[in-house]
Each structure stands twice: as C-alpha cells, then as structure tokens.
Amino acid sequence: MERIAEASPRQLARIAGALYMLNIVGGAFAIGIGYLVFRSTFLPRVSGVLLAIGASCYMAYGIADFLAPAFAAHLVPWIQLPSLAGEGSFCLWLMIAGLKVQGWKELAGAAGSRLEWAR
C-alpha cells in the first residue's frame, strides 16, 4: 500500500489505463465464451446469451470509465447486474445440473470413429 502512495500521477494513470483495457479485452473474451456456450449442446443456450450480455456490460463499463469517469461512476451498481445474472446462472447450472455426460460420450465416440477412419 505504501508503494501506491509513492506512485506519481503518471504511474497511476498508466495503471488505470491498464484496468480499462482489462475490462475491454476481458469483455471481448467473455463474449466469445458466451457464444461458445450458446452453440454448445451441453449447456443451456440462455446461459450463453446471459454471459454475452454480461460481457458486453464489462466492455461498456470499461469504455465509459475511460471516456467519462463521472458518468461511469453512476453506472456501477446497475451495470454489474447483467454480469451477475449471466455468470451466476452459468455457475449454478454447472454446480446443480452439470454437463450432459451422455452427450460428451457420444461426441467422444464420434471423434474416435473419425480418427479410426482417417488411419
């Protein structure tokens, strides 16, 4: 904590810029995960949609915080709710229902037969 107090304003601005980029890049990554969950047959599609919506909120907050920090301060409690819904539903589904094991076995069997055919 003492090192942060000793940091110059320029160093603090660089750290803040890195955090903005982390929100934007992390949001783009999470949109990809939401798309993969949506396309998956092992998880509910609504969970993928909620993940993508929550990820866009991460990106929107990162951009808003970079361009207009005062405006972004008003968004904080509300812009995090879609992320909570998406990530929370995904985690709850995995903890309670899990994956469709039969689907995994069928996919593995189909992949195995394709590998044998290629030999």
Protein backbone atom coordinates (compact mmCIF):
# COMPACT_ATOMS: atom_id res chain seq x y z
CA MET A 1 0.00 0.00 0.00
CA GLU A 2 2.89 2.34 0.66
CA ARG A 3 4.14 1.85 -2.90
CA ILE A 4 0.84 3.09 -4.31
CA ALA A 5 1.05 6.20 -2.13
CA GLU A 6 4.54 6.85 -3.53
CA ALA A 7 3.43 6.48 -7.15
CA SER A 8 3.39 9.52 -9.36
CA PRO A 9 0.16 10.65 -11.03
CA ARG A 10 1.53 9.47 -14.37
CA GLN A 11 2.12 5.96 -13.00
CA LEU A 12 -1.38 5.87 -11.53
CA ALA A 13 -2.81 6.93 -14.90
CA ARG A 14 -0.95 4.05 -16.57
CA ILE A 15 -2.35 1.60 -14.04
CA ALA A 16 -5.85 2.95 -14.62
CA GLY A 17 -5.38 2.65 -18.39
CA ALA A 18 -4.36 -0.97 -17.96
CA LEU A 19 -7.52 -1.62 -15.95
CA TYR A 20 -9.68 -0.06 -18.67
CA MET A 21 -8.04 -2.29 -21.25
CA LEU A 22 -8.51 -5.29 -18.99
CA ASN A 23 -12.26 -4.65 -18.85
CA ILE A 24 -12.48 -4.22 -22.62
CA VAL A 25 -10.32 -7.21 -23.58
CA GLY A 26 -11.79 -9.38 -20.84
CA GLY A 27 -15.28 -8.47 -22.02
CA ALA A 28 -14.42 -9.43 -25.59
CA PHE A 29 -13.04 -12.75 -24.33
CA ALA A 30 -16.18 -13.37 -22.29
CA ILE A 31 -18.38 -12.64 -25.32
CA GLY A 32 -16.52 -15.45 -27.07
CA ILE A 33 -17.20 -17.76 -24.14
CA GLY A 34 -20.87 -16.79 -24.21
CA TYR A 35 -21.00 -17.60 -27.91
CA LEU A 36 -19.39 -21.00 -27.34
CA VAL A 37 -21.84 -21.78 -24.54
CA PHE A 38 -24.71 -20.70 -26.81
CA ARG A 39 -23.52 -23.01 -29.60
CA SER A 40 -22.89 -25.88 -27.20
CA THR A 41 -25.40 -28.67 -26.86
CA PHE A 42 -24.21 -29.49 -23.34
CA LEU A 43 -25.29 -26.27 -21.65
CA PRO A 44 -28.49 -24.20 -21.85
CA ARG A 45 -28.46 -21.58 -24.59
CA VAL A 46 -30.00 -18.93 -22.35
CA SER A 47 -26.90 -19.13 -20.17
CA GLY A 48 -24.73 -18.31 -23.19
CA VAL A 49 -26.91 -15.33 -24.06
CA LEU A 50 -26.74 -14.04 -20.47
CA LEU A 51 -22.96 -14.49 -20.46
CA ALA A 52 -22.63 -12.47 -23.66
CA ILE A 53 -24.89 -9.70 -22.32
CA GLY A 54 -22.87 -9.56 -19.11
CA ALA A 55 -19.63 -9.44 -21.10
CA SER A 56 -20.92 -6.52 -23.15
CA CYS A 57 -21.62 -4.75 -19.88
CA TYR A 58 -17.97 -5.26 -18.87
CA MET A 59 -16.88 -3.73 -22.16
CA ALA A 60 -19.35 -0.85 -21.91
CA TYR A 61 -18.18 -0.05 -18.40
CA GLY A 62 -14.52 -0.13 -19.44
CA ILE A 63 -15.18 2.26 -22.33
CA ALA A 64 -17.38 4.54 -20.24
CA ASP A 65 -14.83 4.63 -17.43
CA PHE A 66 -12.12 5.57 -19.91
CA LEU A 67 -14.11 8.26 -21.73
CA ALA A 68 -16.32 9.67 -18.96
CA PRO A 69 -15.34 8.54 -15.44
CA ALA A 70 -18.04 10.66 -13.78
CA PHE A 71 -20.72 9.02 -15.90
CA ALA A 72 -19.29 5.55 -15.26
CA ALA A 73 -19.47 6.14 -11.52
CA HIS A 74 -23.26 6.36 -11.84
CA LEU A 75 -23.39 3.07 -13.76
CA VAL A 76 -21.55 0.92 -11.22
CA PRO A 77 -24.29 -0.83 -9.28
CA TRP A 78 -26.60 -1.29 -12.26
CA ILE A 79 -24.19 -2.30 -14.99
CA GLN A 80 -22.95 -5.22 -12.90
CA LEU A 81 -26.38 -6.86 -12.58
CA PRO A 82 -26.42 -8.46 -16.07
CA SER A 83 -22.95 -9.85 -15.40
CA LEU A 84 -24.18 -11.31 -12.14
CA ALA A 85 -27.15 -12.89 -13.91
CA GLY A 86 -25.01 -14.41 -16.66
CA GLU A 87 -22.12 -15.67 -14.59
CA GLY A 88 -24.37 -16.67 -11.72
CA SER A 89 -26.69 -18.74 -13.92
CA PHE A 90 -23.70 -20.41 -15.58
CA CYS A 91 -22.10 -21.32 -12.25
CA LEU A 92 -25.38 -22.51 -10.74
CA TRP A 93 -26.09 -24.68 -13.76
CA LEU A 94 -22.67 -26.29 -13.56
CA MET A 95 -22.97 -26.88 -9.81
CA ILE A 96 -26.52 -28.22 -9.82
CA ALA A 97 -27.12 -29.88 -13.17
CA GLY A 98 -23.61 -30.30 -14.51
CA LEU A 99 -22.94 -31.25 -18.10
CA LYS A 100 -24.81 -33.80 -20.17
CA VAL A 101 -22.39 -36.70 -19.78
CA GLN A 102 -24.15 -38.80 -22.43
CA GLY A 103 -23.59 -36.03 -24.96
CA TRP A 104 -19.88 -35.94 -24.14
CA LYS A 105 -19.62 -39.71 -24.58
CA GLU A 106 -21.43 -39.58 -27.93
CA LEU A 107 -19.15 -36.79 -29.11
CA ALA A 108 -16.06 -38.68 -27.98
CA GLY A 109 -17.30 -41.81 -29.75
CA ALA A 110 -17.92 -39.88 -32.95
CA ALA A 111 -14.48 -38.28 -32.76
CA GLY A 112 -12.91 -41.69 -32.14
CA SER A 113 -14.61 -43.19 -35.17
CA ARG A 114 -13.41 -40.27 -37.33
CA LEU A 115 -9.87 -40.83 -36.12
CA GLU A 116 -10.03 -44.54 -36.95
CA TRP A 117 -11.40 -43.75 -40.42
CA ALA A 118 -8.52 -41.34 -41.11
CA ARG A 119 -5.89 -44.05 -40.48
